[in-house]
Amino acid sequence: MLNGGVIAVMTKIDPSMQEKFNSLSEDLQAEIMKQDVQIHNLQDFIRCLEKIVREG
């Protein structure tokens, strides 16, 4: 999303995945929020975590 010439990160966690998200460390939650992803189900969640691991 473009906001005044700046791209805004728009990560969304589906309410059905919120409990799993909340169980993670604050650092990992912050890293997920930086990813600009939509997490609707467990597969989305796993893909995001795999991407974070790959990027180190």
C-alpha atoms as a PDB file:
ATOM      1  CA  MET A   1       0.000   0.000   0.000  1.00  0.00           C
ATOM      2  CA  LEU A   2       1.344   3.403  -0.946  1.00  0.00           C
ATOM      3  CA  ASN A   3       0.945   6.075   1.712  1.00  0.00           C
ATOM      4  CA  GLY A   4       2.311   9.510   0.840  1.00  0.00           C
ATOM      5  CA  GLY A   5       5.038   8.009  -1.335  1.00  0.00           C
ATOM      6  CA  VAL A   6       6.010   5.456   1.329  1.00  0.00           C
ATOM      7  CA  ILE A   7       5.155   1.789   1.039  1.00  0.00           C
ATOM      8  CA  ALA A   8       3.313   0.629   4.150  1.00  0.00           C
ATOM      9  CA  VAL A   9       3.616  -2.958   5.365  1.00  0.00           C
ATOM     10  CA  MET A  10       0.217  -4.582   5.667  1.00  0.00           C
ATOM     11  CA  THR A  11       0.521  -7.942   7.417  1.00  0.00           C
ATOM     12  CA  LYS A  12      -2.802  -9.486   8.386  1.00  0.00           C
ATOM     13  CA  ILE A  13      -3.302 -12.388  10.792  1.00  0.00           C
ATOM     14  CA  ASP A  14      -6.666 -14.137  10.460  1.00  0.00           C
ATOM     15  CA  PRO A  15      -8.521 -14.355  13.794  1.00  0.00           C
ATOM     16  CA  SER A  16      -8.450 -18.166  13.520  1.00  0.00           C
ATOM     17  CA  MET A  17      -4.621 -18.019  13.570  1.00  0.00           C
ATOM     18  CA  GLN A  18      -4.295 -15.372  16.293  1.00  0.00           C
ATOM     19  CA  GLU A  19      -3.813 -17.874  19.141  1.00  0.00           C
ATOM     20  CA  LYS A  20      -0.912 -19.572  17.315  1.00  0.00           C
ATOM     21  CA  PHE A  21       0.595 -16.168  16.506  1.00  0.00           C
ATOM     22  CA  ASN A  22       0.283 -15.047  20.144  1.00  0.00           C
ATOM     23  CA  SER A  23       2.096 -18.186  21.333  1.00  0.00           C
ATOM     24  CA  LEU A  24       5.292 -17.083  19.535  1.00  0.00           C
ATOM     25  CA  SER A  25       8.033 -14.959  21.054  1.00  0.00           C
ATOM     26  CA  GLU A  26       7.717 -11.202  20.676  1.00  0.00           C
ATOM     27  CA  ASP A  27      10.778 -11.175  18.391  1.00  0.00           C
ATOM     28  CA  LEU A  28       9.260 -13.744  16.037  1.00  0.00           C
ATOM     29  CA  GLN A  29       5.907 -11.937  16.062  1.00  0.00           C
ATOM     30  CA  ALA A  30       7.704  -8.720  15.089  1.00  0.00           C
ATOM     31  CA  GLU A  31       9.559 -10.500  12.277  1.00  0.00           C
ATOM     32  CA  ILE A  32       6.293 -11.927  10.908  1.00  0.00           C
ATOM     33  CA  MET A  33       4.711  -8.463  11.006  1.00  0.00           C
ATOM     34  CA  LYS A  34       7.596  -7.149   8.839  1.00  0.00           C
ATOM     35  CA  GLN A  35       6.927  -9.749   6.126  1.00  0.00           C
ATOM     36  CA  ASP A  36       3.904  -8.045   4.489  1.00  0.00           C
ATOM     37  CA  VAL A  37       1.912 -11.297   4.366  1.00  0.00           C
ATOM     38  CA  GLN A  38      -1.674 -12.427   4.748  1.00  0.00           C
ATOM     39  CA  ILE A  39      -1.934 -15.405   7.119  1.00  0.00           C
ATOM     40  CA  HIS A  40      -5.325 -17.052   6.719  1.00  0.00           C
ATOM     41  CA  ASN A  41      -4.496 -20.668   7.575  1.00  0.00           C
ATOM     42  CA  LEU A  42      -1.785 -22.971   8.874  1.00  0.00           C
ATOM     43  CA  GLN A  43      -0.179 -23.333   5.434  1.00  0.00           C
ATOM     44  CA  ASP A  44       0.232 -19.539   5.148  1.00  0.00           C
ATOM     45  CA  PHE A  45       1.699 -19.483   8.656  1.00  0.00           C
ATOM     46  CA  ILE A  46       4.218 -22.236   7.855  1.00  0.00           C
ATOM     47  CA  ARG A  47       5.227 -20.589   4.548  1.00  0.00           C
ATOM     48  CA  CYS A  48       5.913 -17.330   6.361  1.00  0.00           C
ATOM     49  CA  LEU A  49       8.014 -19.068   9.028  1.00  0.00           C
ATOM     50  CA  GLU A  50       9.954 -20.999   6.355  1.00  0.00           C
ATOM     51  CA  LYS A  51      10.685 -17.736   4.531  1.00  0.00           C
ATOM     52  CA  ILE A  52      12.018 -16.182   7.728  1.00  0.00           C
ATOM     53  CA  VAL A  53      14.276 -19.194   8.316  1.00  0.00           C
ATOM     54  CA  ARG A  54      15.576 -19.105   4.710  1.00  0.00           C
ATOM     55  CA  GLU A  55      16.358 -15.404   4.922  1.00  0.00           C
ATOM     56  CA  GLY A  56      18.145 -15.954   8.249  1.00  0.00           C
END
